[in-house]
Amino acid sequence: MGRAKGMAEPERSDDGRYLLIQGRRWRASDPMLPDRTRERLVRHLMSARREIATARKEGDVEAERRARDRVSWAKHGLGERGVPWWEMAGRERRHRWEEALRHLEAG
């Protein structure tokens, strides 16, 4: 998934496992993710983040909780949460993103 024009790629740690953004270190997405899968997970992530904002604006605590759960599923699928992707075998990594997508796309 491409970045917006004019946006520089974030700096990465020497081992490629982390992005360095404004002095903070964030776990990078799993580089083994197929492009199409990454795009689907990022779409779910951004949608869920918008849902959080809407739920907070409306004071809907339950909708916010559901949206936060969706963010968590997407971040796990991307490999940005949970067991670090570099500590997992390829089949485990694939299972993680497939499970996340099944959950996110079930409802």
PDB file of N, CA and C in Angstrom:
ATOM      1  N   MET A   1       0.859  -1.167   0.000  1.00  0.00           N
ATOM      2  CA  MET A   1       0.000   0.000   0.000  1.00  0.00           C
ATOM      3  C   MET A   1       0.897   1.219   0.000  1.00  0.00           C
ATOM      4  N   GLY A   2       0.762   2.085  -0.957  1.00  0.00           N
ATOM      5  CA  GLY A   2       1.633   3.234  -1.093  1.00  0.00           C
ATOM      6  C   GLY A   2       1.329   4.333  -0.101  1.00  0.00           C
ATOM      7  N   ARG A   3       2.294   5.175   0.089  1.00  0.00           N
ATOM      8  CA  ARG A   3       2.126   6.326   0.979  1.00  0.00           C
ATOM      9  C   ARG A   3       1.693   7.519   0.143  1.00  0.00           C
ATOM     10  N   ALA A   4       1.089   8.487   0.805  1.00  0.00           N
ATOM     11  CA  ALA A   4       0.646   9.696   0.117  1.00  0.00           C
ATOM     12  C   ALA A   4       1.862  10.408  -0.474  1.00  0.00           C
ATOM     13  N   LYS A   5       1.651  11.082  -1.589  1.00  0.00           N
ATOM     14  CA  LYS A   5       2.728  11.818  -2.241  1.00  0.00           C
ATOM     15  C   LYS A   5       3.335  12.830  -1.276  1.00  0.00           C
ATOM     16  N   GLY A   6       4.653  12.905  -1.290  1.00  0.00           N
ATOM     17  CA  GLY A   6       5.337  13.874  -0.459  1.00  0.00           C
ATOM     18  C   GLY A   6       5.621  13.383   0.956  1.00  0.00           C
ATOM     19  N   MET A   7       5.075  12.229   1.314  1.00  0.00           N
ATOM     20  CA  MET A   7       5.327  11.688   2.654  1.00  0.00           C
ATOM     21  C   MET A   7       6.552  10.798   2.602  1.00  0.00           C
ATOM     22  N   ALA A   8       7.500  11.078   3.474  1.00  0.00           N
ATOM     23  CA  ALA A   8       8.715  10.263   3.524  1.00  0.00           C
ATOM     24  C   ALA A   8       8.434   8.971   4.273  1.00  0.00           C
ATOM     25  N   GLU A   9       9.130   7.925   3.893  1.00  0.00           N
ATOM     26  CA  GLU A   9       9.041   6.664   4.621  1.00  0.00           C
ATOM     27  C   GLU A   9       9.629   6.894   6.009  1.00  0.00           C
ATOM     28  N   PRO A  10       9.016   6.317   7.042  1.00  0.00           N
ATOM     29  CA  PRO A  10       9.592   6.488   8.381  1.00  0.00           C
ATOM     30  C   PRO A  10      10.935   5.768   8.489  1.00  0.00           C
ATOM     31  N   GLU A  11      11.763   6.257   9.372  1.00  0.00           N
ATOM     32  CA  GLU A  11      13.048   5.622   9.631  1.00  0.00           C
ATOM     33  C   GLU A  11      12.799   4.262  10.284  1.00  0.00           C
ATOM     34  N   ARG A  12      13.659   3.300   9.973  1.00  0.00           N
ATOM     35  CA  ARG A  12      13.539   1.957  10.552  1.00  0.00           C
ATOM     36  C   ARG A  12      14.765   1.669  11.412  1.00  0.00           C
ATOM     37  N   SER A  13      14.565   0.799  12.382  1.00  0.00           N
ATOM     38  CA  SER A  13      15.694   0.324  13.173  1.00  0.00           C
ATOM     39  C   SER A  13      16.604  -0.483  12.242  1.00  0.00           C
ATOM     40  N   ASP A  14      17.838  -0.661  12.652  1.00  0.00           N
ATOM     41  CA  ASP A  14      18.808  -1.384  11.818  1.00  0.00           C
ATOM     42  C   ASP A  14      18.342  -2.788  11.457  1.00  0.00           C
ATOM     43  N   ASP A  15      17.617  -3.437  12.367  1.00  0.00           N
ATOM     44  CA  ASP A  15      17.152  -4.797  12.097  1.00  0.00           C
ATOM     45  C   ASP A  15      15.828  -4.831  11.335  1.00  0.00           C
ATOM     46  N   GLY A  16      15.214  -3.665  11.082  1.00  0.00           N
ATOM     47  CA  GLY A  16      13.972  -3.584  10.313  1.00  0.00           C
ATOM     48  C   GLY A  16      12.719  -3.946  11.098  1.00  0.00           C
ATOM     49  N   ARG A  17      12.865  -4.211  12.354  1.00  0.00           N
ATOM     50  CA  ARG A  17      11.719  -4.647  13.151  1.00  0.00           C
ATOM     51  C   ARG A  17      10.872  -3.496  13.691  1.00  0.00           C
ATOM     52  N   TYR A  18      11.445  -2.315  13.726  1.00  0.00           N
ATOM     53  CA  TYR A  18      10.742  -1.170  14.315  1.00  0.00           C
ATOM     54  C   TYR A  18      10.784   0.043  13.400  1.00  0.00           C
ATOM     55  N   LEU A  19       9.726   0.852  13.482  1.00  0.00           N
ATOM     56  CA  LEU A  19       9.700   2.160  12.846  1.00  0.00           C
ATOM     57  C   LEU A  19      10.040   3.172  13.921  1.00  0.00           C
ATOM     58  N   LEU A  20      10.775   4.193  13.567  1.00  0.00           N
ATOM     59  CA  LEU A  20      11.137   5.237  14.515  1.00  0.00           C
ATOM     60  C   LEU A  20      10.414   6.514  14.092  1.00  0.00           C
ATOM     61  N   ILE A  21       9.445   6.919  14.897  1.00  0.00           N
ATOM     62  CA  ILE A  21       8.598   8.059  14.554  1.00  0.00           C
ATOM     63  C   ILE A  21       8.579   9.021  15.729  1.00  0.00           C
ATOM     64  N   GLN A  22       9.051  10.238  15.486  1.00  0.00           N
ATOM     65  CA  GLN A  22       9.093  11.289  16.504  1.00  0.00           C
ATOM     66  C   GLN A  22       9.686  10.783  17.815  1.00  0.00           C
ATOM     67  N   GLY A  23      10.803  10.095  17.701  1.00  0.00           N
ATOM     68  CA  GLY A  23      11.514   9.621  18.873  1.00  0.00           C
ATOM     69  C   GLY A  23      10.932   8.380  19.536  1.00  0.00           C
ATOM     70  N   ARG A  24       9.851   7.856  18.981  1.00  0.00           N
ATOM     71  CA  ARG A  24       9.238   6.648  19.552  1.00  0.00           C
ATOM     72  C   ARG A  24       9.477   5.468  18.632  1.00  0.00           C
ATOM     73  N   ARG A  25       9.551   4.315  19.230  1.00  0.00           N
ATOM     74  CA  ARG A  25       9.773   3.082  18.481  1.00  0.00           C
ATOM     75  C   ARG A  25       8.461   2.307  18.418  1.00  0.00           C
ATOM     76  N   TRP A  26       8.030   1.960  17.187  1.00  0.00           N
ATOM     77  CA  TRP A  26       6.792   1.218  16.955  1.00  0.00           C
ATOM     78  C   TRP A  26       7.136  -0.047  16.196  1.00  0.00           C
ATOM     79  N   ARG A  27       6.493  -1.155  16.566  1.00  0.00           N
ATOM     80  CA  ARG A  27       6.770  -2.401  15.855  1.00  0.00           C
ATOM     81  C   ARG A  27       6.290  -2.287  14.407  1.00  0.00           C
ATOM     82  N   ALA A  28       7.139  -2.679  13.488  1.00  0.00           N
ATOM     83  CA  ALA A  28       6.801  -2.675  12.063  1.00  0.00           C
ATOM     84  C   ALA A  28       5.859  -3.834  11.751  1.00  0.00           C
ATOM     85  N   SER A  29       5.061  -3.660  10.720  1.00  0.00           N
ATOM     86  CA  SER A  29       4.199  -4.741  10.245  1.00  0.00           C
ATOM     87  C   SER A  29       5.048  -5.898   9.734  1.00  0.00           C
ATOM     88  N   ASP A  30       4.479  -7.059   9.747  1.00  0.00           N
ATOM     89  CA  ASP A  30       5.139  -8.274   9.285  1.00  0.00           C
ATOM     90  C   ASP A  30       5.486  -8.136   7.803  1.00  0.00           C
ATOM     91  N   PRO A  31       6.764  -8.174   7.444  1.00  0.00           N
ATOM     92  CA  PRO A  31       7.141  -8.021   6.034  1.00  0.00           C
ATOM     93  C   PRO A  31       6.719  -9.211   5.173  1.00  0.00           C
ATOM     94  N   MET A  32       6.309 -10.312   5.785  1.00  0.00           N
ATOM     95  CA  MET A  32       5.871 -11.492   5.037  1.00  0.00           C
ATOM     96  C   MET A  32       4.433 -11.337   4.527  1.00  0.00           C
ATOM     97  N   LEU A  33       3.704 -10.331   5.040  1.00  0.00           N
ATOM     98  CA  LEU A  33       2.316 -10.132   4.615  1.00  0.00           C
ATOM     99  C   LEU A  33       2.232  -9.867   3.116  1.00  0.00           C
ATOM    100  N   PRO A  34       1.375 -10.594   2.413  1.00  0.00           N
ATOM    101  CA  PRO A  34       1.148 -10.270   1.003  1.00  0.00           C
ATOM    102  C   PRO A  34       0.521  -8.866   0.905  1.00  0.00           C
ATOM    103  N   ASP A  35       0.820  -8.133  -0.144  1.00  0.00           N
ATOM    104  CA  ASP A  35       0.324  -6.762  -0.294  1.00  0.00           C
ATOM    105  C   ASP A  35      -1.187  -6.671  -0.140  1.00  0.00           C
ATOM    106  N   ARG A  36      -1.907  -7.545  -0.790  1.00  0.00           N
ATOM    107  CA  ARG A  36      -3.383  -7.512  -0.736  1.00  0.00           C
ATOM    108  C   ARG A  36      -3.885  -7.731   0.690  1.00  0.00           C
ATOM    109  N   THR A  37      -3.254  -8.632   1.412  1.00  0.00           N
ATOM    110  CA  THR A  37      -3.633  -8.909   2.798  1.00  0.00           C
ATOM    111  C   THR A  37      -3.349  -7.697   3.667  1.00  0.00           C
ATOM    112  N   ARG A  38      -2.175  -7.084   3.493  1.00  0.00           N
ATOM    113  CA  ARG A  38      -1.819  -5.875   4.247  1.00  0.00           C
ATOM    114  C   ARG A  38      -2.847  -4.771   3.978  1.00  0.00           C
ATOM    115  N   GLU A  39      -3.223  -4.593   2.722  1.00  0.00           N
ATOM    116  CA  GLU A  39      -4.202  -3.558   2.369  1.00  0.00           C
ATOM    117  C   GLU A  39      -5.532  -3.806   3.071  1.00  0.00           C
ATOM    118  N   ARG A  40      -5.983  -5.049   3.088  1.00  0.00           N
ATOM    119  CA  ARG A  40      -7.258  -5.379   3.752  1.00  0.00           C
ATOM    120  C   ARG A  40      -7.183  -5.092   5.247  1.00  0.00           C
ATOM    121  N   LEU A  41      -6.085  -5.501   5.883  1.00  0.00           N
ATOM    122  CA  LEU A  41      -5.938  -5.266   7.319  1.00  0.00           C
ATOM    123  C   LEU A  41      -5.858  -3.774   7.636  1.00  0.00           C
ATOM    124  N   VAL A  42      -5.127  -3.024   6.835  1.00  0.00           N
ATOM    125  CA  VAL A  42      -5.021  -1.583   7.064  1.00  0.00           C
ATOM    126  C   VAL A  42      -6.375  -0.913   6.858  1.00  0.00           C
ATOM    127  N   ARG A  43      -7.131  -1.357   5.879  1.00  0.00           N
ATOM    128  CA  ARG A  43      -8.483  -0.805   5.666  1.00  0.00           C
ATOM    129  C   ARG A  43      -9.355  -1.040   6.897  1.00  0.00           C
ATOM    130  N   HIS A  44      -9.301  -2.242   7.450  1.00  0.00           N
ATOM    131  CA  HIS A  44     -10.052  -2.539   8.674  1.00  0.00           C
ATOM    132  C   HIS A  44      -9.570  -1.667   9.835  1.00  0.00           C
ATOM    133  N   LEU A  45      -8.260  -1.503   9.946  1.00  0.00           N
ATOM    134  CA  LEU A  45      -7.684  -0.700  11.019  1.00  0.00           C
ATOM    135  C   LEU A  45      -8.173   0.745  10.947  1.00  0.00           C
ATOM    136  N   MET A  46      -8.092   1.334   9.779  1.00  0.00           N
ATOM    137  CA  MET A  46      -8.489   2.738   9.635  1.00  0.00           C
ATOM    138  C   MET A  46      -9.996   2.915   9.843  1.00  0.00           C
ATOM    139  N   SER A  47     -10.785   1.981   9.364  1.00  0.00           N
ATOM    140  CA  SER A  47     -12.230   2.021   9.570  1.00  0.00           C
ATOM    141  C   SER A  47     -12.560   1.957  11.059  1.00  0.00           C
ATOM    142  N   ALA A  48     -11.896   1.048  11.769  1.00  0.00           N
ATOM    143  CA  ALA A  48     -12.141   0.907  13.205  1.00  0.00           C
ATOM    144  C   ALA A  48     -11.716   2.165  13.956  1.00  0.00           C
ATOM    145  N   ARG A  49     -10.636   2.785  13.545  1.00  0.00           N
ATOM    146  CA  ARG A  49     -10.216   4.034  14.202  1.00  0.00           C
ATOM    147  C   ARG A  49     -11.245   5.141  13.986  1.00  0.00           C
ATOM    148  N   ARG A  50     -11.827   5.195  12.796  1.00  0.00           N
ATOM    149  CA  ARG A  50     -12.896   6.183  12.560  1.00  0.00           C
ATOM    150  C   ARG A  50     -14.112   5.875  13.427  1.00  0.00           C
ATOM    151  N   GLU A  51     -14.419   4.573  13.588  1.00  0.00           N
ATOM    152  CA  GLU A  51     -15.545   4.174  14.435  1.00  0.00           C
ATOM    153  C   GLU A  51     -15.312   4.570  15.893  1.00  0.00           C
ATOM    154  N   ILE A  52     -14.080   4.484  16.351  1.00  0.00           N
ATOM    155  CA  ILE A  52     -13.767   4.916  17.721  1.00  0.00           C
ATOM    156  C   ILE A  52     -14.074   6.397  17.875  1.00  0.00           C
ATOM    157  N   ALA A  53     -13.628   7.198  16.927  1.00  0.00           N
ATOM    158  CA  ALA A  53     -13.867   8.639  17.005  1.00  0.00           C
ATOM    159  C   ALA A  53     -15.359   8.949  17.029  1.00  0.00           C
ATOM    160  N   THR A  54     -16.117   8.286  16.177  1.00  0.00           N
ATOM    161  CA  THR A  54     -17.566   8.501  16.130  1.00  0.00           C
ATOM    162  C   THR A  54     -18.217   8.083  17.444  1.00  0.00           C
ATOM    163  N   ALA A  55     -17.838   6.922  17.946  1.00  0.00           N
ATOM    164  CA  ALA A  55     -18.421   6.416  19.198  1.00  0.00           C
ATOM    165  C   ALA A  55     -18.100   7.342  20.363  1.00  0.00           C
ATOM    166  N   ARG A  56     -16.887   7.847  20.418  1.00  0.00           N
ATOM    167  CA  ARG A  56     -16.513   8.771  21.500  1.00  0.00           C
ATOM    168  C   ARG A  56     -17.317  10.063  21.403  1.00  0.00           C
ATOM    169  N   LYS A  57     -17.463  10.554  20.178  1.00  0.00           N
ATOM    170  CA  LYS A  57     -18.228  11.793  19.963  1.00  0.00           C
ATOM    171  C   LYS A  57     -19.673  11.608  20.418  1.00  0.00           C
ATOM    172  N   GLU A  58     -20.221  10.414  20.173  1.00  0.00           N
ATOM    173  CA  GLU A  58     -21.614  10.124  20.526  1.00  0.00           C
ATOM    174  C   GLU A  58     -21.768   9.580  21.940  1.00  0.00           C
ATOM    175  N   GLY A  59     -20.649   9.347  22.627  1.00  0.00           N
ATOM    176  CA  GLY A  59     -20.716   8.814  23.983  1.00  0.00           C
ATOM    177  C   GLY A  59     -21.183   7.372  24.050  1.00  0.00           C
ATOM    178  N   ASP A  60     -20.975   6.630  22.973  1.00  0.00           N
ATOM    179  CA  ASP A  60     -21.414   5.233  22.901  1.00  0.00           C
ATOM    180  C   ASP A  60     -20.262   4.320  23.344  1.00  0.00           C
ATOM    181  N   VAL A  61     -20.252   3.998  24.632  1.00  0.00           N
ATOM    182  CA  VAL A  61     -19.171   3.214  25.221  1.00  0.00           C
ATOM    183  C   VAL A  61     -19.071   1.825  24.592  1.00  0.00           C
ATOM    184  N   GLU A  62     -20.195   1.183  24.354  1.00  0.00           N
ATOM    185  CA  GLU A  62     -20.191  -0.169  23.782  1.00  0.00           C
ATOM    186  C   GLU A  62     -19.657  -0.168  22.346  1.00  0.00           C
ATOM    187  N   ALA A  63     -20.066   0.801  21.553  1.00  0.00           N
ATOM    188  CA  ALA A  63     -19.564   0.898  20.177  1.00  0.00           C
ATOM    189  C   ALA A  63     -18.063   1.186  20.178  1.00  0.00           C
ATOM    190  N   GLU A  64     -17.607   1.993  21.124  1.00  0.00           N
ATOM    191  CA  GLU A  64     -16.170   2.280  21.220  1.00  0.00           C
ATOM    192  C   GLU A  64     -15.404   1.000  21.569  1.00  0.00           C
ATOM    193  N   ARG A  65     -15.921   0.207  22.511  1.00  0.00           N
ATOM    194  CA  ARG A  65     -15.265  -1.043  22.891  1.00  0.00           C
ATOM    195  C   ARG A  65     -15.169  -1.994  21.693  1.00  0.00           C
ATOM    196  N   ARG A  66     -16.275  -2.114  20.939  1.00  0.00           N
ATOM    197  CA  ARG A  66     -16.261  -2.989  19.757  1.00  0.00           C
ATOM    198  C   ARG A  66     -15.237  -2.503  18.733  1.00  0.00           C
ATOM    199  N   ALA A  67     -15.175  -1.194  18.530  1.00  0.00           N
ATOM    200  CA  ALA A  67     -14.226  -0.635  17.565  1.00  0.00           C
ATOM    201  C   ALA A  67     -12.787  -0.851  18.042  1.00  0.00           C
ATOM    202  N   ARG A  68     -12.548  -0.694  19.323  1.00  0.00           N
ATOM    203  CA  ARG A  68     -11.201  -0.933  19.859  1.00  0.00           C
ATOM    204  C   ARG A  68     -10.806  -2.406  19.705  1.00  0.00           C
ATOM    205  N   ASP A  69     -11.765  -3.297  19.859  1.00  0.00           N
ATOM    206  CA  ASP A  69     -11.495  -4.722  19.624  1.00  0.00           C
ATOM    207  C   ASP A  69     -11.096  -4.945  18.172  1.00  0.00           C
ATOM    208  N   ARG A  70     -11.757  -4.262  17.240  1.00  0.00           N
ATOM    209  CA  ARG A  70     -11.418  -4.386  15.813  1.00  0.00           C
ATOM    210  C   ARG A  70     -10.010  -3.845  15.541  1.00  0.00           C
ATOM    211  N   VAL A  71      -9.652  -2.730  16.189  1.00  0.00           N
ATOM    212  CA  VAL A  71      -8.290  -2.200  16.046  1.00  0.00           C
ATOM    213  C   VAL A  71      -7.289  -3.249  16.506  1.00  0.00           C
ATOM    214  N   SER A  72      -7.572  -3.866  17.647  1.00  0.00           N
ATOM    215  CA  SER A  72      -6.668  -4.874  18.178  1.00  0.00           C
ATOM    216  C   SER A  72      -6.513  -6.061  17.226  1.00  0.00           C
ATOM    217  N   TRP A  73      -7.617  -6.554  16.666  1.00  0.00           N
ATOM    218  CA  TRP A  73      -7.549  -7.651  15.695  1.00  0.00           C
ATOM    219  C   TRP A  73      -6.701  -7.248  14.486  1.00  0.00           C
ATOM    220  N   ALA A  74      -6.919  -6.049  13.985  1.00  0.00           N
ATOM    221  CA  ALA A  74      -6.160  -5.599  12.809  1.00  0.00           C
ATOM    222  C   ALA A  74      -4.673  -5.481  13.137  1.00  0.00           C
ATOM    223  N   LYS A  75      -4.349  -4.898  14.286  1.00  0.00           N
ATOM    224  CA  LYS A  75      -2.946  -4.741  14.672  1.00  0.00           C
ATOM    225  C   LYS A  75      -2.279  -6.107  14.885  1.00  0.00           C
ATOM    226  N   HIS A  76      -3.008  -7.058  15.470  1.00  0.00           N
ATOM    227  CA  HIS A  76      -2.465  -8.412  15.611  1.00  0.00           C
ATOM    228  C   HIS A  76      -2.228  -9.034  14.233  1.00  0.00           C
ATOM    229  N   GLY A  77      -3.201  -8.881  13.342  1.00  0.00           N
ATOM    230  CA  GLY A  77      -3.056  -9.429  11.998  1.00  0.00           C
ATOM    231  C   GLY A  77      -1.864  -8.851  11.255  1.00  0.00           C
ATOM    232  N   LEU A  78      -1.605  -7.580  11.476  1.00  0.00           N
ATOM    233  CA  LEU A  78      -0.466  -6.915  10.844  1.00  0.00           C
ATOM    234  C   LEU A  78       0.868  -7.325  11.484  1.00  0.00           C
ATOM    235  N   GLY A  79       0.779  -7.970  12.648  1.00  0.00           N
ATOM    236  CA  GLY A  79       1.992  -8.370  13.354  1.00  0.00           C
ATOM    237  C   GLY A  79       2.534  -7.289  14.265  1.00  0.00           C
ATOM    238  N   GLU A  80       1.746  -6.250  14.499  1.00  0.00           N
ATOM    239  CA  GLU A  80       2.201  -5.121  15.304  1.00  0.00           C
ATOM    240  C   GLU A  80       1.899  -5.307  16.792  1.00  0.00           C
ATOM    241  N   ARG A  81       1.147  -6.343  17.131  1.00  0.00           N
ATOM    242  CA  ARG A  81       0.845  -6.678  18.525  1.00  0.00           C
ATOM    243  C   ARG A  81       0.971  -8.183  18.689  1.00  0.00           C
ATOM    244  N   GLY A  82       1.036  -8.603  19.944  1.00  0.00           N
ATOM    245  CA  GLY A  82       1.157 -10.032  20.219  1.00  0.00           C
ATOM    246  C   GLY A  82       2.597 -10.486  20.104  1.00  0.00           C
ATOM    247  N   VAL A  83       2.759 -11.771  19.878  1.00  0.00           N
ATOM    248  CA  VAL A  83       4.102 -12.340  19.738  1.00  0.00           C
ATOM    249  C   VAL A  83       4.785 -11.661  18.552  1.00  0.00           C
ATOM    250  N   PRO A  84       6.013 -11.170  18.724  1.00  0.00           N
ATOM    251  CA  PRO A  84       6.708 -10.532  17.602  1.00  0.00           C
ATOM    252  C   PRO A  84       6.816 -11.469  16.405  1.00  0.00           C
ATOM    253  N   TRP A  85       6.571 -10.946  15.202  1.00  0.00           N
ATOM    254  CA  TRP A  85       6.582 -11.772  13.998  1.00  0.00           C
ATOM    255  C   TRP A  85       7.921 -12.448  13.774  1.00  0.00           C
ATOM    256  N   TRP A  86       9.014 -11.829  14.200  1.00  0.00           N
ATOM    257  CA  TRP A  86      10.330 -12.415  13.973  1.00  0.00           C
ATOM    258  C   TRP A  86      10.606 -13.602  14.903  1.00  0.00           C
ATOM    259  N   GLU A  87       9.702 -13.833  15.866  1.00  0.00           N
ATOM    260  CA  GLU A  87       9.840 -14.994  16.755  1.00  0.00           C
ATOM    261  C   GLU A  87       8.919 -16.140  16.334  1.00  0.00           C
ATOM    262  N   MET A  88       8.213 -15.987  15.229  1.00  0.00           N
ATOM    263  CA  MET A  88       7.237 -16.975  14.783  1.00  0.00           C
ATOM    264  C   MET A  88       7.677 -17.631  13.480  1.00  0.00           C
ATOM    265  N   ALA A  89       7.275 -18.879  13.315  1.00  0.00           N
ATOM    266  CA  ALA A  89       7.503 -19.577  12.046  1.00  0.00           C
ATOM    267  C   ALA A  89       6.546 -19.005  10.999  1.00  0.00           C
ATOM    268  N   GLY A  90       6.876 -19.173   9.746  1.00  0.00           N
ATOM    269  CA  GLY A  90       6.053 -18.645   8.656  1.00  0.00           C
ATOM    270  C   GLY A  90       4.607 -19.087   8.724  1.00  0.00           C
ATOM    271  N   ARG A  91       4.360 -20.362   9.022  1.00  0.00           N
ATOM    272  CA  ARG A  91       2.982 -20.856   9.086  1.00  0.00           C
ATOM    273  C   ARG A  91       2.210 -20.206  10.230  1.00  0.00           C
ATOM    274  N   GLU A  92       2.895 -19.914  11.344  1.00  0.00           N
ATOM    275  CA  GLU A  92       2.241 -19.238  12.468  1.00  0.00           C
ATOM    276  C   GLU A  92       1.880 -17.802  12.102  1.00  0.00           C
ATOM    277  N   ARG A  93       2.767 -17.153  11.389  1.00  0.00           N
ATOM    278  CA  ARG A  93       2.511 -15.776  10.960  1.00  0.00           C
ATOM    279  C   ARG A  93       1.301 -15.738  10.021  1.00  0.00           C
ATOM    280  N   ARG A  94       1.278 -16.664   9.060  1.00  0.00           N
ATOM    281  CA  ARG A  94       0.157 -16.740   8.121  1.00  0.00           C
ATOM    282  C   ARG A  94      -1.147 -17.027   8.865  1.00  0.00           C
ATOM    283  N   HIS A  95      -1.109 -17.949   9.810  1.00  0.00           N
ATOM    284  CA  HIS A  95      -2.306 -18.272  10.603  1.00  0.00           C
ATOM    285  C   HIS A  95      -2.810 -17.023  11.332  1.00  0.00           C
ATOM    286  N   ARG A  96      -1.894 -16.226  11.876  1.00  0.00           N
ATOM    287  CA  ARG A  96      -2.291 -15.034  12.627  1.00  0.00           C
ATOM    288  C   ARG A  96      -3.047 -14.051  11.738  1.00  0.00           C
ATOM    289  N   TRP A  97      -2.513 -13.761  10.538  1.00  0.00           N
ATOM    290  CA  TRP A  97      -3.216 -12.774   9.720  1.00  0.00           C
ATOM    291  C   TRP A  97      -4.498 -13.351   9.134  1.00  0.00           C
ATOM    292  N   GLU A  98      -4.513 -14.640   8.817  1.00  0.00           N
ATOM    293  CA  GLU A  98      -5.743 -15.251   8.299  1.00  0.00           C
ATOM    294  C   GLU A  98      -6.835 -15.256   9.367  1.00  0.00           C
ATOM    295  N   GLU A  99      -6.462 -15.560  10.610  1.00  0.00           N
ATOM    296  CA  GLU A  99      -7.429 -15.543  11.710  1.00  0.00           C
ATOM    297  C   GLU A  99      -7.973 -14.135  11.942  1.00  0.00           C
ATOM    298  N   ALA A 100      -7.096 -13.152  11.901  1.00  0.00           N
ATOM    299  CA  ALA A 100      -7.531 -11.761  12.091  1.00  0.00           C
ATOM    300  C   ALA A 100      -8.529 -11.364  10.997  1.00  0.00           C
ATOM    301  N   LEU A 101      -8.212 -11.689   9.757  1.00  0.00           N
ATOM    302  CA  LEU A 101      -9.130 -11.339   8.662  1.00  0.00           C
ATOM    303  C   LEU A 101     -10.467 -12.069   8.785  1.00  0.00           C
ATOM    304  N   ARG A 102     -10.426 -13.341   9.150  1.00  0.00           N
ATOM    305  CA  ARG A 102     -11.692 -14.084   9.354  1.00  0.00           C
ATOM    306  C   ARG A 102     -12.539 -13.380  10.407  1.00  0.00           C
ATOM    307  N   HIS A 103     -11.907 -12.993  11.494  1.00  0.00           N
ATOM    308  CA  HIS A 103     -12.652 -12.338  12.573  1.00  0.00           C
ATOM    309  C   HIS A 103     -13.190 -10.974  12.113  1.00  0.00           C
ATOM    310  N   LEU A 104     -12.344 -10.183  11.477  1.00  0.00           N
ATOM    311  CA  LEU A 104     -12.733  -8.840  11.046  1.00  0.00           C
ATOM    312  C   LEU A 104     -13.811  -8.851   9.967  1.00  0.00           C
ATOM    313  N   GLU A 105     -13.785  -9.851   9.114  1.00  0.00           N
ATOM    314  CA  GLU A 105     -14.704  -9.886   7.980  1.00  0.00           C
ATOM    315  C   GLU A 105     -15.946 -10.731   8.256  1.00  0.00           C
ATOM    316  N   ALA A 106     -16.030 -11.299   9.477  1.00  0.00           N
ATOM    317  CA  ALA A 106     -17.191 -12.115   9.842  1.00  0.00           C
ATOM    318  C   ALA A 106     -18.412 -11.251  10.133  1.00  0.00           C
ATOM    319  N   GLY A 107     -18.208 -10.053  10.517  1.00  0.00           N
ATOM    320  CA  GLY A 107     -19.373  -9.251  10.885  1.00  0.00           C
ATOM    321  C   GLY A 107     -19.125  -7.862  10.774  1.00  0.00           C
TER     322      GLY A 107
END
